Amino acid sequence: MSSDILSRKIDVSKFGLIYAGAQKNIGPAGLTIVIVRNDLLGKTGKTLPSIFDYQSHINAKSMFNTPPVFSIYVAMLNLRWLRLKGGIEEVERENIAKARLLYDEIDRNSLFRGPAALEDRSRMNVAFVMEDPSLEKEFLALAEERELVALKGHRSVGGFRASLYNALPISSVHLLVDVMQEFEELKKTN
């Protein structure tokens, strides 16, 4: 759950184990959050090295190895920030608004399309492509000119990816939408 933990309300009781890297919505890389149901502990049927046995970490009160102190400290600051914002309910509301704004533009704009099925669309990582892939470099250049960076999609998939993690303000999504609309207007006049 690295991308969506703390971005929306999650019923933890529906899971036997939740594993999440902190680097998306909680804090810097180096911190991992594991939530495991007690009845699953010791059920692998194998002898595990103690470092991979969650019971070892529980017995040591999460101090089995040297903790990533800086990452934990930054996570604490972020959790305080989330609480001040209004908690998970407020953050989820904001994330829905950010994703809706961008997906509405992708669906409206004749130059772009979303490759994911509607029911599979991510709120945190919005993937989209150009109807004409030969325009990708030109769009990226315009986006970077407008100080939008890291939009290039994964090397195996192409297209674009906008990460809408909790810390990203909706104003940044508005800027991306404005650039997409500007690009559409440029292509209409050319």
N, C-alpha and C. Protein backbone atom coordinates (compact mmCIF):
# COMPACT_ATOMS: atom_id res chain seq x y z
N MET A 1 0.81 -1.21 0.00
CA MET A 1 0.00 0.00 0.00
C MET A 1 0.84 1.26 0.00
N SER A 2 2.02 1.21 -0.55
CA SER A 2 2.92 2.36 -0.50
C SER A 2 2.31 3.62 -1.11
N SER A 3 1.59 3.50 -2.21
CA SER A 3 1.06 4.69 -2.86
C SER A 3 -0.19 5.24 -2.21
N ASP A 4 -1.01 4.41 -1.61
CA ASP A 4 -2.28 4.94 -1.12
C ASP A 4 -2.46 4.94 0.40
N ILE A 5 -1.52 4.40 1.15
CA ILE A 5 -1.69 4.44 2.59
C ILE A 5 -1.69 5.90 3.06
N LEU A 6 -2.59 6.22 3.93
CA LEU A 6 -2.84 7.56 4.46
C LEU A 6 -3.38 8.54 3.42
N SER A 7 -3.83 8.04 2.28
CA SER A 7 -4.46 8.91 1.29
C SER A 7 -5.98 8.76 1.31
N ARG A 8 -6.44 7.71 1.97
CA ARG A 8 -7.87 7.42 2.03
C ARG A 8 -8.12 6.52 3.24
N LYS A 9 -9.37 6.47 3.64
CA LYS A 9 -9.74 5.62 4.75
C LYS A 9 -9.65 4.16 4.30
N ILE A 10 -8.99 3.34 5.11
CA ILE A 10 -8.81 1.92 4.80
C ILE A 10 -9.28 1.11 6.00
N ASP A 11 -10.10 0.12 5.76
CA ASP A 11 -10.53 -0.78 6.82
C ASP A 11 -9.44 -1.83 7.01
N VAL A 12 -8.58 -1.59 7.98
CA VAL A 12 -7.43 -2.46 8.24
C VAL A 12 -7.88 -3.88 8.58
N SER A 13 -9.06 -4.04 9.15
CA SER A 13 -9.52 -5.37 9.55
C SER A 13 -9.76 -6.30 8.37
N LYS A 14 -9.82 -5.77 7.16
CA LYS A 14 -10.04 -6.60 5.97
C LYS A 14 -8.76 -7.25 5.45
N PHE A 15 -7.63 -6.94 6.09
CA PHE A 15 -6.34 -7.42 5.60
C PHE A 15 -5.63 -8.26 6.65
N GLY A 16 -4.93 -9.28 6.20
CA GLY A 16 -4.08 -10.06 7.09
C GLY A 16 -2.75 -9.38 7.30
N LEU A 17 -2.27 -8.71 6.24
CA LEU A 17 -0.99 -8.03 6.33
C LEU A 17 -1.02 -6.83 5.39
N ILE A 18 -0.56 -5.70 5.89
CA ILE A 18 -0.39 -4.50 5.08
C ILE A 18 1.09 -4.14 5.15
N TYR A 19 1.68 -3.94 3.98
CA TYR A 19 3.09 -3.58 3.88
C TYR A 19 3.16 -2.30 3.07
N ALA A 20 3.78 -1.27 3.62
CA ALA A 20 3.82 0.02 2.92
C ALA A 20 5.14 0.72 3.14
N GLY A 21 5.73 1.16 2.05
CA GLY A 21 6.87 2.05 2.13
C GLY A 21 6.35 3.44 2.45
N ALA A 22 7.11 4.19 3.23
CA ALA A 22 6.67 5.51 3.67
C ALA A 22 6.85 6.59 2.61
N GLN A 23 7.62 6.33 1.57
CA GLN A 23 8.12 7.38 0.70
C GLN A 23 7.08 8.06 -0.18
N LYS A 24 5.84 7.72 -0.10
CA LYS A 24 4.83 8.36 -0.93
C LYS A 24 4.01 9.38 -0.13
N ASN A 25 3.38 8.96 0.96
CA ASN A 25 2.49 9.83 1.71
C ASN A 25 2.83 9.97 3.19
N ILE A 26 3.84 9.28 3.65
CA ILE A 26 4.14 9.30 5.08
C ILE A 26 5.42 10.05 5.39
N GLY A 27 6.46 9.80 4.64
CA GLY A 27 7.74 10.44 4.91
C GLY A 27 8.78 10.00 3.90
N PRO A 28 10.04 10.21 4.21
CA PRO A 28 11.10 9.84 3.26
C PRO A 28 11.31 8.33 3.20
N ALA A 29 11.99 7.93 2.14
CA ALA A 29 12.33 6.52 1.98
C ALA A 29 13.18 6.07 3.17
N GLY A 30 13.11 4.79 3.47
CA GLY A 30 13.88 4.23 4.57
C GLY A 30 13.01 3.74 5.71
N LEU A 31 11.75 4.04 5.65
CA LEU A 31 10.81 3.62 6.68
C LEU A 31 9.76 2.74 6.04
N THR A 32 9.48 1.62 6.67
CA THR A 32 8.45 0.70 6.19
C THR A 32 7.44 0.48 7.30
N ILE A 33 6.19 0.46 6.94
CA ILE A 33 5.12 0.22 7.90
C ILE A 33 4.53 -1.14 7.61
N VAL A 34 4.45 -1.96 8.63
CA VAL A 34 3.85 -3.29 8.50
C VAL A 34 2.76 -3.40 9.56
N ILE A 35 1.58 -3.79 9.11
CA ILE A 35 0.47 -4.07 10.02
C ILE A 35 0.11 -5.53 9.74
N VAL A 36 0.25 -6.36 10.76
CA VAL A 36 0.01 -7.79 10.57
C VAL A 36 -0.95 -8.28 11.66
N ARG A 37 -1.90 -9.11 11.25
CA ARG A 37 -2.84 -9.70 12.21
C ARG A 37 -2.10 -10.72 13.06
N ASN A 38 -2.34 -10.71 14.33
CA ASN A 38 -1.65 -11.61 15.27
C ASN A 38 -1.80 -13.08 14.89
N ASP A 39 -2.97 -13.47 14.38
CA ASP A 39 -3.19 -14.88 14.08
C ASP A 39 -2.37 -15.38 12.90
N LEU A 40 -1.70 -14.48 12.17
CA LEU A 40 -0.86 -14.89 11.04
C LEU A 40 0.60 -15.06 11.43
N LEU A 41 0.97 -14.57 12.58
CA LEU A 41 2.37 -14.66 13.02
C LEU A 41 2.77 -16.12 13.23
N GLY A 42 3.95 -16.46 12.73
CA GLY A 42 4.47 -17.81 12.92
C GLY A 42 3.79 -18.87 12.08
N LYS A 43 3.09 -18.48 11.04
CA LYS A 43 2.31 -19.43 10.23
C LYS A 43 2.96 -19.73 8.87
N THR A 44 4.20 -19.39 8.68
CA THR A 44 4.82 -19.62 7.36
C THR A 44 5.13 -21.08 7.12
N GLY A 45 5.28 -21.86 8.19
CA GLY A 45 5.66 -23.26 8.04
C GLY A 45 7.14 -23.41 7.72
N LYS A 46 7.88 -22.33 7.81
CA LYS A 46 9.31 -22.34 7.51
C LYS A 46 10.06 -21.65 8.63
N THR A 47 11.32 -22.01 8.74
CA THR A 47 12.19 -21.28 9.67
C THR A 47 12.74 -20.08 8.93
N LEU A 48 12.44 -18.92 9.47
CA LEU A 48 12.86 -17.68 8.83
C LEU A 48 14.07 -17.09 9.56
N PRO A 49 14.95 -16.41 8.83
CA PRO A 49 15.96 -15.63 9.54
C PRO A 49 15.23 -14.60 10.41
N SER A 50 15.72 -14.35 11.58
CA SER A 50 15.01 -13.50 12.54
C SER A 50 14.67 -12.12 11.99
N ILE A 51 15.48 -11.59 11.10
CA ILE A 51 15.21 -10.27 10.54
C ILE A 51 13.93 -10.25 9.70
N PHE A 52 13.55 -11.43 9.13
CA PHE A 52 12.35 -11.52 8.31
C PHE A 52 11.13 -12.03 9.09
N ASP A 53 11.31 -12.28 10.35
CA ASP A 53 10.22 -12.78 11.19
C ASP A 53 9.60 -11.60 11.92
N TYR A 54 8.37 -11.25 11.56
CA TYR A 54 7.72 -10.09 12.18
C TYR A 54 7.60 -10.24 13.69
N GLN A 55 7.49 -11.46 14.18
CA GLN A 55 7.41 -11.66 15.63
C GLN A 55 8.66 -11.13 16.31
N SER A 56 9.83 -11.27 15.68
CA SER A 56 11.07 -10.72 16.25
C SER A 56 10.96 -9.21 16.43
N HIS A 57 10.40 -8.55 15.46
CA HIS A 57 10.26 -7.09 15.51
C HIS A 57 9.23 -6.69 16.57
N ILE A 58 8.16 -7.46 16.65
CA ILE A 58 7.14 -7.17 17.67
C ILE A 58 7.72 -7.37 19.06
N ASN A 59 8.42 -8.47 19.26
CA ASN A 59 9.02 -8.73 20.58
C ASN A 59 9.99 -7.63 20.99
N ALA A 60 10.66 -7.03 20.01
CA ALA A 60 11.64 -5.97 20.29
C ALA A 60 11.00 -4.58 20.22
N LYS A 61 9.68 -4.51 20.19
CA LYS A 61 8.95 -3.24 20.12
C LYS A 61 9.45 -2.36 18.96
N SER A 62 9.59 -2.99 17.80
CA SER A 62 10.06 -2.35 16.56
C SER A 62 11.48 -1.80 16.66
N MET A 63 12.27 -2.33 17.59
CA MET A 63 13.66 -1.89 17.75
C MET A 63 14.62 -3.07 17.54
N PHE A 64 14.23 -4.03 16.71
CA PHE A 64 15.05 -5.22 16.47
C PHE A 64 16.38 -4.85 15.80
N ASN A 65 16.31 -3.84 14.93
CA ASN A 65 17.53 -3.34 14.30
C ASN A 65 17.56 -1.82 14.51
N THR A 66 18.60 -1.18 14.07
CA THR A 66 18.71 0.26 14.24
C THR A 66 17.61 0.94 13.43
N PRO A 67 16.74 1.68 14.08
CA PRO A 67 15.63 2.31 13.36
C PRO A 67 16.12 3.51 12.54
N PRO A 68 15.43 3.79 11.42
CA PRO A 68 15.78 4.96 10.61
C PRO A 68 15.22 6.22 11.28
N VAL A 69 15.97 6.76 12.20
CA VAL A 69 15.49 7.82 13.09
C VAL A 69 14.99 9.04 12.31
N PHE A 70 15.75 9.49 11.32
CA PHE A 70 15.31 10.66 10.56
C PHE A 70 13.98 10.40 9.87
N SER A 71 13.85 9.24 9.24
CA SER A 71 12.60 8.91 8.54
C SER A 71 11.43 8.84 9.51
N ILE A 72 11.65 8.31 10.69
CA ILE A 72 10.60 8.23 11.70
C ILE A 72 10.22 9.64 12.17
N TYR A 73 11.21 10.49 12.37
CA TYR A 73 10.95 11.86 12.79
C TYR A 73 10.12 12.61 11.74
N VAL A 74 10.51 12.50 10.47
CA VAL A 74 9.77 13.18 9.41
C VAL A 74 8.35 12.60 9.30
N ALA A 75 8.20 11.31 9.47
CA ALA A 75 6.86 10.70 9.46
C ALA A 75 6.01 11.28 10.58
N MET A 76 6.61 11.45 11.77
CA MET A 76 5.87 12.05 12.88
C MET A 76 5.40 13.46 12.52
N LEU A 77 6.28 14.26 11.92
CA LEU A 77 5.90 15.61 11.52
C LEU A 77 4.77 15.56 10.49
N ASN A 78 4.86 14.64 9.56
CA ASN A 78 3.83 14.51 8.54
C ASN A 78 2.50 14.07 9.14
N LEU A 79 2.53 13.15 10.08
CA LEU A 79 1.29 12.71 10.73
C LEU A 79 0.64 13.86 11.49
N ARG A 80 1.46 14.69 12.12
CA ARG A 80 0.92 15.89 12.80
C ARG A 80 0.27 16.83 11.78
N TRP A 81 0.94 17.01 10.64
CA TRP A 81 0.40 17.86 9.57
C TRP A 81 -0.94 17.32 9.07
N LEU A 82 -1.01 15.98 8.88
CA LEU A 82 -2.26 15.37 8.43
C LEU A 82 -3.38 15.60 9.45
N ARG A 83 -3.06 15.49 10.72
CA ARG A 83 -4.07 15.71 11.76
C ARG A 83 -4.56 17.16 11.71
N LEU A 84 -3.64 18.11 11.57
CA LEU A 84 -4.01 19.53 11.51
C LEU A 84 -4.87 19.84 10.29
N LYS A 85 -4.65 19.13 9.19
CA LYS A 85 -5.45 19.33 7.97
C LYS A 85 -6.88 18.84 8.14
N GLY A 86 -7.10 17.99 9.12
CA GLY A 86 -8.43 17.43 9.31
C GLY A 86 -8.46 15.92 9.23
N GLY A 87 -7.28 15.30 9.17
CA GLY A 87 -7.20 13.85 9.21
C GLY A 87 -7.44 13.21 7.86
N ILE A 88 -7.57 11.90 7.90
CA ILE A 88 -7.72 11.10 6.68
C ILE A 88 -8.95 11.51 5.88
N GLU A 89 -10.04 11.85 6.56
CA GLU A 89 -11.26 12.22 5.84
C GLU A 89 -11.02 13.44 4.95
N GLU A 90 -10.32 14.45 5.47
CA GLU A 90 -10.04 15.66 4.69
C GLU A 90 -9.05 15.37 3.57
N VAL A 91 -8.02 14.61 3.87
CA VAL A 91 -7.03 14.27 2.85
C VAL A 91 -7.68 13.46 1.73
N GLU A 92 -8.55 12.53 2.08
CA GLU A 92 -9.24 11.75 1.05
C GLU A 92 -10.10 12.65 0.18
N ARG A 93 -10.80 13.59 0.79
CA ARG A 93 -11.63 14.53 0.03
C ARG A 93 -10.77 15.31 -0.97
N GLU A 94 -9.62 15.80 -0.51
CA GLU A 94 -8.71 16.54 -1.38
C GLU A 94 -8.17 15.66 -2.51
N ASN A 95 -7.83 14.43 -2.17
CA ASN A 95 -7.28 13.52 -3.19
C ASN A 95 -8.32 13.16 -4.25
N ILE A 96 -9.56 13.01 -3.84
CA ILE A 96 -10.63 12.76 -4.80
C ILE A 96 -10.77 13.96 -5.74
N ALA A 97 -10.72 15.16 -5.18
CA ALA A 97 -10.85 16.38 -5.99
C ALA A 97 -9.69 16.51 -6.98
N LYS A 98 -8.47 16.23 -6.53
CA LYS A 98 -7.30 16.33 -7.42
C LYS A 98 -7.41 15.32 -8.56
N ALA A 99 -7.73 14.08 -8.24
CA ALA A 99 -7.83 13.04 -9.27
C ALA A 99 -8.97 13.34 -10.24
N ARG A 100 -10.10 13.77 -9.71
CA ARG A 100 -11.25 14.07 -10.57
C ARG A 100 -10.91 15.20 -11.56
N LEU A 101 -10.25 16.23 -11.05
CA LEU A 101 -9.87 17.36 -11.90
C LEU A 101 -8.99 16.90 -13.07
N LEU A 102 -7.99 16.09 -12.78
CA LEU A 102 -7.08 15.64 -13.84
C LEU A 102 -7.75 14.64 -14.77
N TYR A 103 -8.47 13.67 -14.23
CA TYR A 103 -9.14 12.69 -15.10
C TYR A 103 -10.20 13.36 -15.99
N ASP A 104 -10.90 14.36 -15.46
CA ASP A 104 -11.88 15.06 -16.28
C ASP A 104 -11.21 15.72 -17.48
N GLU A 105 -10.02 16.29 -17.26
CA GLU A 105 -9.31 16.91 -18.37
C GLU A 105 -8.79 15.86 -19.36
N ILE A 106 -8.27 14.77 -18.85
CA ILE A 106 -7.79 13.70 -19.74
C ILE A 106 -8.94 13.21 -20.62
N ASP A 107 -10.11 13.02 -20.02
CA ASP A 107 -11.26 12.52 -20.77
C ASP A 107 -11.82 13.56 -21.74
N ARG A 108 -11.69 14.83 -21.42
CA ARG A 108 -12.22 15.91 -22.25
C ARG A 108 -11.28 16.27 -23.39
N ASN A 109 -9.99 16.28 -23.13
CA ASN A 109 -9.00 16.79 -24.07
C ASN A 109 -8.78 15.79 -25.21
N SER A 110 -8.91 16.28 -26.43
CA SER A 110 -8.82 15.40 -27.60
C SER A 110 -7.42 14.84 -27.84
N LEU A 111 -6.39 15.41 -27.19
CA LEU A 111 -5.02 14.96 -27.40
C LEU A 111 -4.59 13.84 -26.45
N PHE A 112 -5.35 13.62 -25.39
CA PHE A 112 -4.94 12.68 -24.34
C PHE A 112 -6.01 11.62 -24.12
N ARG A 113 -5.57 10.52 -23.52
CA ARG A 113 -6.52 9.49 -23.07
C ARG A 113 -5.89 8.73 -21.91
N GLY A 114 -6.74 8.19 -21.08
CA GLY A 114 -6.29 7.37 -19.97
C GLY A 114 -6.34 5.91 -20.36
N PRO A 115 -5.22 5.18 -20.26
CA PRO A 115 -5.22 3.78 -20.68
C PRO A 115 -5.89 2.83 -19.68
N ALA A 116 -6.03 3.24 -18.44
CA ALA A 116 -6.62 2.35 -17.42
C ALA A 116 -8.14 2.38 -17.51
N ALA A 117 -8.75 1.24 -17.26
CA ALA A 117 -10.22 1.17 -17.20
C ALA A 117 -10.70 2.09 -16.08
N LEU A 118 -11.89 2.67 -16.26
CA LEU A 118 -12.40 3.63 -15.27
C LEU A 118 -12.34 3.09 -13.84
N GLU A 119 -12.73 1.84 -13.67
CA GLU A 119 -12.76 1.26 -12.31
C GLU A 119 -11.37 0.97 -11.75
N ASP A 120 -10.35 1.02 -12.59
CA ASP A 120 -8.98 0.73 -12.14
C ASP A 120 -8.11 1.98 -12.02
N ARG A 121 -8.66 3.14 -12.22
CA ARG A 121 -7.88 4.36 -12.17
C ARG A 121 -7.39 4.66 -10.75
N SER A 122 -6.16 5.06 -10.68
CA SER A 122 -5.54 5.37 -9.39
C SER A 122 -5.74 6.84 -9.06
N ARG A 123 -6.00 7.14 -7.79
CA ARG A 123 -6.05 8.52 -7.35
C ARG A 123 -4.65 9.08 -7.14
N MET A 124 -3.71 8.22 -6.88
CA MET A 124 -2.37 8.68 -6.52
C MET A 124 -1.44 8.81 -7.73
N ASN A 125 -1.54 7.91 -8.68
CA ASN A 125 -0.67 7.91 -9.85
C ASN A 125 -1.53 7.87 -11.10
N VAL A 126 -1.70 9.03 -11.70
CA VAL A 126 -2.57 9.15 -12.86
C VAL A 126 -1.74 8.94 -14.12
N ALA A 127 -2.00 7.84 -14.79
CA ALA A 127 -1.31 7.53 -16.05
C ALA A 127 -2.17 8.01 -17.20
N PHE A 128 -1.50 8.63 -18.19
CA PHE A 128 -2.21 9.05 -19.39
C PHE A 128 -1.23 9.07 -20.56
N VAL A 129 -1.78 8.98 -21.76
CA VAL A 129 -0.97 8.94 -22.97
C VAL A 129 -1.54 9.94 -23.96
N MET A 130 -0.77 10.17 -25.00
CA MET A 130 -1.25 11.05 -26.08
C MET A 130 -1.86 10.18 -27.17
N GLU A 131 -2.90 10.69 -27.77
CA GLU A 131 -3.49 9.98 -28.91
C GLU A 131 -2.46 9.83 -30.03
N ASP A 132 -1.60 10.85 -30.17
CA ASP A 132 -0.52 10.82 -31.14
C ASP A 132 0.81 10.82 -30.38
N PRO A 133 1.41 9.66 -30.18
CA PRO A 133 2.64 9.58 -29.38
C PRO A 133 3.78 10.46 -29.89
N SER A 134 3.75 10.85 -31.14
CA SER A 134 4.83 11.70 -31.67
C SER A 134 4.81 13.09 -31.04
N LEU A 135 3.73 13.45 -30.34
CA LEU A 135 3.63 14.76 -29.69
C LEU A 135 4.14 14.75 -28.24
N GLU A 136 4.51 13.58 -27.72
CA GLU A 136 4.90 13.47 -26.31
C GLU A 136 6.06 14.40 -25.94
N LYS A 137 7.13 14.39 -26.73
CA LYS A 137 8.30 15.21 -26.40
C LYS A 137 7.95 16.69 -26.41
N GLU A 138 7.13 17.09 -27.34
CA GLU A 138 6.72 18.49 -27.42
C GLU A 138 5.89 18.90 -26.20
N PHE A 139 4.98 18.01 -25.78
CA PHE A 139 4.17 18.30 -24.59
C PHE A 139 5.06 18.36 -23.35
N LEU A 140 5.98 17.40 -23.22
CA LEU A 140 6.88 17.41 -22.06
C LEU A 140 7.72 18.68 -22.02
N ALA A 141 8.16 19.15 -23.17
CA ALA A 141 8.94 20.39 -23.23
C ALA A 141 8.11 21.58 -22.73
N LEU A 142 6.86 21.66 -23.16
CA LEU A 142 5.98 22.73 -22.70
C LEU A 142 5.74 22.62 -21.19
N ALA A 143 5.50 21.41 -20.73
CA ALA A 143 5.27 21.20 -19.29
C ALA A 143 6.48 21.64 -18.49
N GLU A 144 7.67 21.26 -18.93
CA GLU A 144 8.89 21.65 -18.20
C GLU A 144 9.11 23.16 -18.27
N GLU A 145 8.75 23.77 -19.38
CA GLU A 145 8.82 25.22 -19.52
C GLU A 145 7.92 25.90 -18.48
N ARG A 146 6.83 25.24 -18.14
CA ARG A 146 5.88 25.76 -17.14
C ARG A 146 6.19 25.24 -15.72
N GLU A 147 7.39 24.65 -15.58
CA GLU A 147 7.92 24.15 -14.29
C GLU A 147 7.17 22.93 -13.76
N LEU A 148 6.64 22.13 -14.66
CA LEU A 148 6.07 20.83 -14.30
C LEU A 148 7.11 19.79 -14.69
N VAL A 149 7.57 19.03 -13.72
CA VAL A 149 8.65 18.06 -13.98
C VAL A 149 8.21 16.66 -13.56
N ALA A 150 8.98 15.68 -14.00
CA ALA A 150 8.78 14.26 -13.64
C ALA A 150 7.43 13.73 -14.10
N LEU A 151 6.97 14.18 -15.25
CA LEU A 151 5.71 13.68 -15.80
C LEU A 151 5.89 12.50 -16.74
N LYS A 152 7.11 12.29 -17.19
CA LYS A 152 7.35 11.22 -18.16
C LYS A 152 6.97 9.88 -17.54
N GLY A 153 6.25 9.08 -18.29
CA GLY A 153 5.79 7.78 -17.81
C GLY A 153 6.92 6.78 -17.69
N HIS A 154 6.60 5.63 -17.19
CA HIS A 154 7.57 4.56 -17.01
C HIS A 154 8.14 4.15 -18.36
N ARG A 155 9.43 3.82 -18.38
CA ARG A 155 10.11 3.51 -19.66
C ARG A 155 9.47 2.35 -20.40
N SER A 156 8.83 1.42 -19.71
CA SER A 156 8.22 0.27 -20.40
C SER A 156 6.81 0.57 -20.90
N VAL A 157 6.21 1.64 -20.40
CA VAL A 157 4.82 1.95 -20.75
C VAL A 157 4.73 3.21 -21.61
N GLY A 158 5.61 4.17 -21.33
CA GLY A 158 5.56 5.44 -22.05
C GLY A 158 4.48 6.35 -21.52
N GLY A 159 4.15 7.35 -22.30
CA GLY A 159 3.13 8.29 -21.89
C GLY A 159 3.57 9.13 -20.71
N PHE A 160 2.63 9.39 -19.83
CA PHE A 160 2.87 10.29 -18.71
C PHE A 160 2.31 9.70 -17.42
N ARG A 161 2.85 10.18 -16.32
CA ARG A 161 2.34 9.80 -15.01
C ARG A 161 2.45 11.01 -14.10
N ALA A 162 1.32 11.40 -13.55
CA ALA A 162 1.29 12.49 -12.58
C ALA A 162 1.01 11.88 -11.21
N SER A 163 1.94 12.06 -10.29
CA SER A 163 1.76 11.55 -8.93
C SER A 163 1.09 12.63 -8.09
N LEU A 164 -0.04 12.28 -7.50
CA LEU A 164 -0.88 13.23 -6.77
C LEU A 164 -0.86 12.93 -5.27
N TYR A 165 0.29 12.66 -4.73
CA TYR A 165 0.39 12.31 -3.32
C TYR A 165 -0.12 13.44 -2.43
N ASN A 166 -0.36 13.13 -1.17
CA ASN A 166 -0.99 14.05 -0.23
C ASN A 166 -0.37 15.44 -0.22
N ALA A 167 0.95 15.53 -0.30
CA ALA A 167 1.62 16.83 -0.17
C ALA A 167 1.44 17.72 -1.40
N LEU A 168 0.99 17.16 -2.51
CA LEU A 168 0.83 17.95 -3.72
C LEU A 168 -0.45 18.78 -3.61
N PRO A 169 -0.34 20.10 -3.72
CA PRO A 169 -1.56 20.93 -3.62
C PRO A 169 -2.37 20.86 -4.91
N ILE A 170 -3.65 21.11 -4.80
CA ILE A 170 -4.53 21.07 -5.97
C ILE A 170 -4.12 22.13 -6.98
N SER A 171 -3.46 23.20 -6.54
CA SER A 171 -3.00 24.23 -7.48
C SER A 171 -2.03 23.64 -8.50
N SER A 172 -1.25 22.65 -8.12
CA SER A 172 -0.34 21.99 -9.07
C SER A 172 -1.12 21.21 -10.13
N VAL A 173 -2.23 20.61 -9.73
CA VAL A 173 -3.06 19.88 -10.70
C VAL A 173 -3.73 20.88 -11.65
N HIS A 174 -4.17 22.03 -11.11
CA HIS A 174 -4.74 23.07 -11.96
C HIS A 174 -3.71 23.52 -13.00
N LEU A 175 -2.46 23.66 -12.58
CA LEU A 175 -1.40 24.07 -13.51
C LEU A 175 -1.22 23.03 -14.62
N LEU A 176 -1.21 21.75 -14.26
CA LEU A 176 -1.09 20.70 -15.27
C LEU A 176 -2.26 20.75 -16.24
N VAL A 177 -3.47 20.90 -15.73
CA VAL A 177 -4.65 20.98 -16.59
C VAL A 177 -4.53 22.19 -17.52
N ASP A 178 -4.08 23.32 -16.98
CA ASP A 178 -3.90 24.52 -17.82
C ASP A 178 -2.91 24.25 -18.95
N VAL A 179 -1.82 23.56 -18.65
CA VAL A 179 -0.81 23.26 -19.67
C VAL A 179 -1.38 22.29 -20.71
N MET A 180 -2.17 21.32 -20.28
CA MET A 180 -2.80 20.39 -21.23
C MET A 180 -3.74 21.15 -22.16
N GLN A 181 -4.49 22.10 -21.61
CA GLN A 181 -5.41 22.89 -22.42
C GLN A 181 -4.64 23.83 -23.36
N GLU A 182 -3.56 24.42 -22.86
CA GLU A 182 -2.72 25.27 -23.69
C GLU A 182 -2.16 24.48 -24.86
N PHE A 183 -1.70 23.27 -24.60
CA PHE A 183 -1.13 22.43 -25.65
C PHE A 183 -2.20 22.08 -26.68
N GLU A 184 -3.40 21.80 -26.22
CA GLU A 184 -4.50 21.49 -27.13
C GLU A 184 -4.77 22.70 -28.04
N GLU A 185 -4.77 23.89 -27.48
CA GLU A 185 -5.00 25.11 -28.28
C GLU A 185 -3.88 25.32 -29.29
N LEU A 186 -2.64 25.07 -28.86
CA LEU A 186 -1.50 25.20 -29.79
C LEU A 186 -1.64 24.25 -30.97
N LYS A 187 -2.08 23.05 -30.71
CA LYS A 187 -2.20 22.06 -31.78
C LYS A 187 -3.40 22.39 -32.70
N LYS A 188 -4.41 23.04 -32.18
CA LYS A 188 -5.55 23.44 -33.02
C LYS A 188 -5.14 24.53 -34.01
N THR A 189 -4.25 25.42 -33.55
CA THR A 189 -3.84 26.55 -34.41
C THR A 189 -2.75 26.16 -35.40
N ASN A 190 -2.08 25.03 -35.16
CA ASN A 190 -1.00 24.60 -36.07
C ASN A 190 -1.52 23.73 -37.18
